[in-house]
PDB file of N, CA and C in Angstrom:
ATOM      1  N   MET A   1      44.817  82.462 110.739  1.00  0.00           N
ATOM      2  CA  MET A   1      45.607  82.984 112.269  1.00  0.00           C
ATOM      3  C   MET A   1      46.959  82.574 112.544  1.00  0.00           C
ATOM      4  N   ILE A   2      47.850  83.168 113.029  1.00  0.00           N
ATOM      5  CA  ILE A   2      48.688  83.250 113.285  1.00  0.00           C
ATOM      6  C   ILE A   2      49.123  82.489 114.853  1.00  0.00           C
ATOM      7  N   SER A   3      49.579  81.433 114.687  1.00  0.00           N
ATOM      8  CA  SER A   3      49.626  80.770 116.118  1.00  0.00           C
ATOM      9  C   SER A   3      51.512  80.358 116.651  1.00  0.00           C
ATOM     10  N   ASP A   4      51.750  80.580 117.508  1.00  0.00           N
ATOM     11  CA  ASP A   4      53.196  80.413 118.057  1.00  0.00           C
ATOM     12  C   ASP A   4      53.370  79.637 119.168  1.00  0.00           C
ATOM     13  N   LYS A   5      54.415  78.987 119.501  1.00  0.00           N
ATOM     14  CA  LYS A   5      54.700  78.185 120.838  1.00  0.00           C
ATOM     15  C   LYS A   5      55.160  78.819 121.677  1.00  0.00           C
ATOM     16  N   TYR A   6      55.146  79.179 122.795  1.00  0.00           N
ATOM     17  CA  TYR A   6      55.972  79.640 123.860  1.00  0.00           C
ATOM     18  C   TYR A   6      55.645  78.890 125.452  1.00  0.00           C
ATOM     19  N   ARG A   7      57.039  78.722 125.548  1.00  0.00           N
ATOM     20  CA  ARG A   7      57.134  78.108 126.566  1.00  0.00           C
ATOM     21  C   ARG A   7      56.226  76.662 126.990  1.00  0.00           C
ATOM     22  N   GLU A   8      55.049  76.486 127.695  1.00  0.00           N
ATOM     23  CA  GLU A   8      54.728  75.129 127.263  1.00  0.00           C
ATOM     24  C   GLU A   8      52.741  75.291 126.641  1.00  0.00           C
ATOM     25  N   TYR A   9      52.964  76.830 126.352  1.00  0.00           N
ATOM     26  CA  TYR A   9      51.561  77.514 125.938  1.00  0.00           C
ATOM     27  C   TYR A   9      51.291  77.215 124.135  1.00  0.00           C
ATOM     28  N   THR A  10      50.393  76.926 123.539  1.00  0.00           N
ATOM     29  CA  THR A  10      50.151  77.753 122.595  1.00  0.00           C
ATOM     30  C   THR A  10      49.288  78.958 122.375  1.00  0.00           C
ATOM     31  N   LEU A  11      49.992  79.835 121.842  1.00  0.00           N
ATOM     32  CA  LEU A  11      49.616  81.353 121.469  1.00  0.00           C
ATOM     33  C   LEU A  11      48.617  81.321 119.933  1.00  0.00           C
ATOM     34  N   THR A  12      47.182  81.944 120.235  1.00  0.00           N
ATOM     35  CA  THR A  12      47.056  81.922 118.608  1.00  0.00           C
ATOM     36  C   THR A  12      46.321  83.666 119.052  1.00  0.00           C
ATOM     37  N   ALA A  13      46.942  84.023 117.347  1.00  0.00           N
ATOM     38  CA  ALA A  13      46.455  85.984 117.780  1.00  0.00           C
ATOM     39  C   ALA A  13      44.973  85.972 117.077  1.00  0.00           C
ATOM     40  N   CYS A  14      44.301  86.321 117.800  1.00  0.00           N
ATOM     41  CA  CYS A  14      43.117  86.858 117.410  1.00  0.00           C
ATOM     42  C   CYS A  14      42.849  88.102 117.079  1.00  0.00           C
ATOM     43  N   PRO A  15      43.125  89.216 116.104  1.00  0.00           N
ATOM     44  CA  PRO A  15      42.975  90.503 116.221  1.00  0.00           C
ATOM     45  C   PRO A  15      41.649  90.591 115.803  1.00  0.00           C
ATOM     46  N   ARG A  16      40.466  91.398 116.107  1.00  0.00           N
ATOM     47  CA  ARG A  16      39.675  91.814 115.998  1.00  0.00           C
ATOM     48  C   ARG A  16      39.268  93.447 115.420  1.00  0.00           C
ATOM     49  N   LYS A  17      38.032  93.368 114.299  1.00  0.00           N
ATOM     50  CA  LYS A  17      38.178  94.337 113.399  1.00  0.00           C
ATOM     51  C   LYS A  17      37.308  95.258 114.531  1.00  0.00           C
ATOM     52  N   THR A  18      37.181  96.469 114.967  1.00  0.00           N
ATOM     53  CA  THR A  18      36.613  97.411 115.373  1.00  0.00           C
ATOM     54  C   THR A  18      35.481  97.962 114.282  1.00  0.00           C
ATOM     55  N   ARG A  19      34.624  99.220 115.171  1.00  0.00           N
ATOM     56  CA  ARG A  19      33.686  99.896 114.290  1.00  0.00           C
ATOM     57  C   ARG A  19      34.569 100.867 113.268  1.00  0.00           C
ATOM     58  N   GLN A  20      35.570 100.760 113.892  1.00  0.00           N
ATOM     59  CA  GLN A  20      35.939 102.331 112.792  1.00  0.00           C
ATOM     60  C   GLN A  20      36.863 101.377 111.485  1.00  0.00           C
ATOM     61  N   GLY A  21      36.760 100.466 111.802  1.00  0.00           N
ATOM     62  CA  GLY A  21      37.666  99.632 110.393  1.00  0.00           C
ATOM     63  C   GLY A  21      39.299  99.290 110.861  1.00  0.00           C
ATOM     64  N   ARG A  22      39.806  99.746 112.319  1.00  0.00           N
ATOM     65  CA  ARG A  22      41.216  99.192 112.500  1.00  0.00           C
ATOM     66  C   ARG A  22      41.329  97.903 113.029  1.00  0.00           C
ATOM     67  N   TRP A  23      42.079  97.420 113.557  1.00  0.00           N
ATOM     68  CA  TRP A  23      42.285  96.053 114.644  1.00  0.00           C
ATOM     69  C   TRP A  23      42.710  95.953 116.038  1.00  0.00           C
ATOM     70  N   SER A  24      41.997  95.432 116.948  1.00  0.00           N
ATOM     71  CA  SER A  24      42.389  95.321 117.971  1.00  0.00           C
ATOM     72  C   SER A  24      43.092  94.276 118.466  1.00  0.00           C
ATOM     73  N   VAL A  25      43.638  93.923 119.709  1.00  0.00           N
ATOM     74  CA  VAL A  25      44.578  92.886 120.195  1.00  0.00           C
ATOM     75  C   VAL A  25      43.710  91.670 120.947  1.00  0.00           C
ATOM     76  N   ALA A  26      43.758  90.537 120.644  1.00  0.00           N
ATOM     77  CA  ALA A  26      43.304  89.479 121.139  1.00  0.00           C
ATOM     78  C   ALA A  26      44.371  88.224 121.303  1.00  0.00           C
ATOM     79  N   VAL A  27      44.172  87.405 122.338  1.00  0.00           N
ATOM     80  CA  VAL A  27      45.164  86.457 122.006  1.00  0.00           C
ATOM     81  C   VAL A  27      44.624  85.389 122.865  1.00  0.00           C
ATOM     82  N   GLU A  28      44.728  84.093 122.308  1.00  0.00           N
ATOM     83  CA  GLU A  28      43.507  82.896 122.714  1.00  0.00           C
ATOM     84  C   GLU A  28      45.024  81.986 123.464  1.00  0.00           C
ATOM     85  N   ILE A  29      45.597  81.576 124.678  1.00  0.00           N
ATOM     86  CA  ILE A  29      46.014  80.848 125.328  1.00  0.00           C
ATOM     87  C   ILE A  29      45.864  79.049 125.670  1.00  0.00           C
ATOM     88  N   ARG A  30      46.480  78.505 125.444  1.00  0.00           N
ATOM     89  CA  ARG A  30      45.949  77.157 125.809  1.00  0.00           C
ATOM     90  C   ARG A  30      47.389  76.245 126.477  1.00  0.00           C
ATOM     91  N   ARG A  31      46.958  75.647 127.343  1.00  0.00           N
ATOM     92  CA  ARG A  31      48.396  75.058 127.443  1.00  0.00           C
ATOM     93  C   ARG A  31      48.854  73.820 126.162  1.00  0.00           C
ATOM     94  N   THR A  32      49.753  73.219 126.169  1.00  0.00           N
ATOM     95  CA  THR A  32      50.564  72.617 125.275  1.00  0.00           C
ATOM     96  C   THR A  32      49.570  71.501 125.606  1.00  0.00           C
ATOM     97  N   GLY A  33      49.107  70.321 124.495  1.00  0.00           N
ATOM     98  CA  GLY A  33      48.991  69.550 124.987  1.00  0.00           C
ATOM     99  C   GLY A  33      47.567  68.630 125.757  1.00  0.00           C
ATOM    100  N   GLU A  34      47.090  69.666 125.986  1.00  0.00           N
ATOM    101  CA  GLU A  34      45.439  69.906 126.498  1.00  0.00           C
ATOM    102  C   GLU A  34      44.315  70.166 125.417  1.00  0.00           C
ATOM    103  N   ASN A  35      43.560  69.591 125.940  1.00  0.00           N
ATOM    104  CA  ASN A  35      42.303  69.347 125.306  1.00  0.00           C
ATOM    105  C   ASN A  35      41.223  70.590 125.322  1.00  0.00           C
ATOM    106  N   THR A  36      41.732  71.338 126.889  1.00  0.00           N
ATOM    107  CA  THR A  36      40.596  72.419 127.157  1.00  0.00           C
ATOM    108  C   THR A  36      40.266  73.659 126.345  1.00  0.00           C
ATOM    109  N   LYS A  37      39.163  74.472 126.780  1.00  0.00           N
ATOM    110  CA  LYS A  37      38.868  75.272 125.824  1.00  0.00           C
ATOM    111  C   LYS A  37      39.862  76.861 126.287  1.00  0.00           C
ATOM    112  N   PRO A  38      40.680  77.413 124.938  1.00  0.00           N
ATOM    113  CA  PRO A  38      41.821  78.084 125.072  1.00  0.00           C
ATOM    114  C   PRO A  38      40.918  79.485 126.053  1.00  0.00           C
ATOM    115  N   SER A  39      42.065  80.008 126.758  1.00  0.00           N
ATOM    116  CA  SER A  39      41.424  81.331 127.201  1.00  0.00           C
ATOM    117  C   SER A  39      41.754  82.477 126.545  1.00  0.00           C
ATOM    118  N   THR A  40      41.015  83.755 126.557  1.00  0.00           N
ATOM    119  CA  THR A  40      41.086  84.324 125.490  1.00  0.00           C
ATOM    120  C   THR A  40      41.150  85.970 126.522  1.00  0.00           C
ATOM    121  N   PHE A  41      42.153  86.484 126.007  1.00  0.00           N
ATOM    122  CA  PHE A  41      42.875  87.715 127.092  1.00  0.00           C
ATOM    123  C   PHE A  41      42.584  88.782 125.319  1.00  0.00           C
ATOM    124  N   PHE A  42      42.222  89.981 126.167  1.00  0.00           N
ATOM    125  CA  PHE A  42      42.490  91.065 125.159  1.00  0.00           C
ATOM    126  C   PHE A  42      42.868  92.456 125.789  1.00  0.00           C
ATOM    127  N   ALA A  43      43.729  92.951 125.225  1.00  0.00           N
ATOM    128  CA  ALA A  43      44.941  94.006 125.494  1.00  0.00           C
ATOM    129  C   ALA A  43      43.607  95.341 125.797  1.00  0.00           C
ATOM    130  N   GLU A  44      43.748  95.776 126.849  1.00  0.00           N
ATOM    131  CA  GLU A  44      42.737  97.081 127.413  1.00  0.00           C
ATOM    132  C   GLU A  44      43.682  98.509 127.303  1.00  0.00           C
ATOM    133  N   ASP A  45      44.676  98.634 126.124  1.00  0.00           N
ATOM    134  CA  ASP A  45      45.634  99.707 126.303  1.00  0.00           C
ATOM    135  C   ASP A  45      44.370 100.767 125.260  1.00  0.00           C
ATOM    136  N   GLY A  46      43.681 100.424 124.588  1.00  0.00           N
ATOM    137  CA  GLY A  46      43.186 100.786 124.088  1.00  0.00           C
ATOM    138  C   GLY A  46      43.998 101.279 122.343  1.00  0.00           C
ATOM    139  N   ILE A  47      44.617 101.008 122.288  1.00  0.00           N
ATOM    140  CA  ILE A  47      45.696 101.157 120.953  1.00  0.00           C
ATOM    141  C   ILE A  47      44.928  99.725 120.176  1.00  0.00           C
ATOM    142  N   SER A  48      44.925 100.216 119.046  1.00  0.00           N
ATOM    143  CA  SER A  48      44.062  99.776 117.384  1.00  0.00           C
ATOM    144  C   SER A  48      45.342 100.052 116.495  1.00  0.00           C
ATOM    145  N   TYR A  49      45.117  98.690 115.228  1.00  0.00           N
ATOM    146  CA  TYR A  49      46.307  98.914 114.482  1.00  0.00           C
ATOM    147  C   TYR A  49      45.556  99.046 112.967  1.00  0.00           C
ATOM    148  N   ILE A  50      46.281  99.617 112.228  1.00  0.00           N
ATOM    149  CA  ILE A  50      45.628  99.807 110.699  1.00  0.00           C
ATOM    150  C   ILE A  50      45.702  98.710 109.673  1.00  0.00           C
ATOM    151  N   LEU A  51      46.908  97.583 110.027  1.00  0.00           N
ATOM    152  CA  LEU A  51      47.146  96.414 109.379  1.00  0.00           C
ATOM    153  C   LEU A  51      46.862  95.389 110.203  1.00  0.00           C
ATOM    154  N   GLU A  52      45.897  94.220 109.801  1.00  0.00           N
ATOM    155  CA  GLU A  52      45.827  92.974 110.613  1.00  0.00           C
ATOM    156  C   GLU A  52      47.106  92.427 111.230  1.00  0.00           C
ATOM    157  N   GLU A  53      48.122  92.444 109.931  1.00  0.00           N
ATOM    158  CA  GLU A  53      49.068  91.915 110.411  1.00  0.00           C
ATOM    159  C   GLU A  53      49.869  92.388 111.911  1.00  0.00           C
ATOM    160  N   GLU A  54      50.086  93.492 111.862  1.00  0.00           N
ATOM    161  CA  GLU A  54      50.410  94.297 112.970  1.00  0.00           C
ATOM    162  C   GLU A  54      49.830  93.811 114.314  1.00  0.00           C
ATOM    163  N   ALA A  55      48.597  94.330 114.025  1.00  0.00           N
ATOM    164  CA  ALA A  55      47.634  93.716 115.246  1.00  0.00           C
ATOM    165  C   ALA A  55      48.128  91.867 115.790  1.00  0.00           C
ATOM    166  N   ALA A  56      48.073  91.375 114.672  1.00  0.00           N
ATOM    167  CA  ALA A  56      48.758  89.673 114.862  1.00  0.00           C
ATOM    168  C   ALA A  56      49.715  89.446 115.940  1.00  0.00           C
ATOM    169  N   LYS A  57      50.932  90.803 115.171  1.00  0.00           N
ATOM    170  CA  LYS A  57      51.991  90.539 115.954  1.00  0.00           C
ATOM    171  C   LYS A  57      52.068  90.523 117.623  1.00  0.00           C
ATOM    172  N   GLU A  58      51.188  92.044 117.495  1.00  0.00           N
ATOM    173  CA  GLU A  58      51.040  92.514 119.272  1.00  0.00           C
ATOM    174  C   GLU A  58      50.160  91.441 119.663  1.00  0.00           C
ATOM    175  N   CYS A  59      49.244  90.349 119.490  1.00  0.00           N
ATOM    176  CA  CYS A  59      48.749  90.103 120.087  1.00  0.00           C
ATOM    177  C   CYS A  59      49.805  88.438 120.683  1.00  0.00           C
ATOM    178  N   LEU A  60      50.483  88.305 119.745  1.00  0.00           N
ATOM    179  CA  LEU A  60      51.429  87.278 120.186  1.00  0.00           C
ATOM    180  C   LEU A  60      52.500  87.651 121.580  1.00  0.00           C
ATOM    181  N   ASN A  61      52.470  89.210 121.258  1.00  0.00           N
ATOM    182  CA  ASN A  61      53.736  89.490 122.204  1.00  0.00           C
ATOM    183  C   ASN A  61      52.610  89.974 123.652  1.00  0.00           C
ATOM    184  N   LEU A  62      51.711  90.201 123.773  1.00  0.00           N
ATOM    185  CA  LEU A  62      50.403  90.120 124.871  1.00  0.00           C
ATOM    186  C   LEU A  62      50.672  88.562 125.851  1.00  0.00           C
ATOM    187  N   GLY A  63      50.240  87.643 124.242  1.00  0.00           N
ATOM    188  CA  GLY A  63      50.686  86.156 125.475  1.00  0.00           C
ATOM    189  C   GLY A  63      51.658  85.967 125.821  1.00  0.00           C
ATOM    190  N   ARG A  64      52.721  86.528 124.822  1.00  0.00           N
ATOM    191  CA  ARG A  64      53.951  86.321 126.307  1.00  0.00           C
ATOM    192  C   ARG A  64      54.169  86.582 127.032  1.00  0.00           C
ATOM    193  N   ASN A  65      53.722  88.193 126.930  1.00  0.00           N
ATOM    194  CA  ASN A  65      53.944  88.950 128.288  1.00  0.00           C
ATOM    195  C   ASN A  65      52.817  88.179 129.556  1.00  0.00           C
ATOM    196  N   LEU A  66      51.728  88.098 129.390  1.00  0.00           N
ATOM    197  CA  LEU A  66      51.079  87.264 130.038  1.00  0.00           C
ATOM    198  C   LEU A  66      51.494  86.187 131.073  1.00  0.00           C
ATOM    199  N   ILE A  67      52.627  85.685 129.777  1.00  0.00           N
ATOM    200  CA  ILE A  67      52.442  84.188 130.653  1.00  0.00           C
ATOM    201  C   ILE A  67      54.121  84.705 131.054  1.00  0.00           C
ATOM    202  N   ASN A  68      54.982  85.582 130.678  1.00  0.00           N
ATOM    203  CA  ASN A  68      56.466  86.169 131.735  1.00  0.00           C
ATOM    204  C   ASN A  68      55.922  86.644 132.704  1.00  0.00           C
ATOM    205  N   ARG A  69      54.416  87.046 133.205  1.00  0.00           N
ATOM    206  CA  ARG A  69      54.029  87.784 134.594  1.00  0.00           C
ATOM    207  C   ARG A  69      53.531  86.826 135.051  1.00  0.00           C
ATOM    208  N   ASN A  70      52.975  85.771 134.876  1.00  0.00           N
ATOM    209  CA  ASN A  70      52.173  84.863 135.368  1.00  0.00           C
ATOM    210  C   ASN A  70      50.945  85.258 135.660  1.00  0.00           C
ATOM    211  N   GLN A  71      50.375  85.643 134.526  1.00  0.00           N
ATOM    212  CA  GLN A  71      49.366  86.866 135.009  1.00  0.00           C
ATOM    213  C   GLN A  71      48.158  85.831 134.201  1.00  0.00           C
ATOM    214  N   LEU A  72      47.961  84.651 133.875  1.00  0.00           N
ATOM    215  CA  LEU A  72      46.607  83.708 133.340  1.00  0.00           C
ATOM    216  C   LEU A  72      46.397  82.943 133.803  1.00  0.00           C
ATOM    217  N   SER A  73      44.720  83.692 134.426  1.00  0.00           N
ATOM    218  CA  SER A  73      43.810  82.968 135.316  1.00  0.00           C
ATOM    219  C   SER A  73      42.367  83.348 134.615  1.00  0.00           C
TER     220      SER A  73
END
């Protein structure tokens, strides 16, 4: 899994394989230094990707956007 640190959070890409064999977008977000269970967020735009690597990049983008918009809850 691809991970990245962004601001005070750790993002972990969690692309999921769909029934059609494509990859959907999901990201786990955890505040750096905390031992709590990470929150998982799924993209609800209906877009899926052929390559797992493409989906993983979008997972991290989703996490950054959620943090920037203060939508973690």
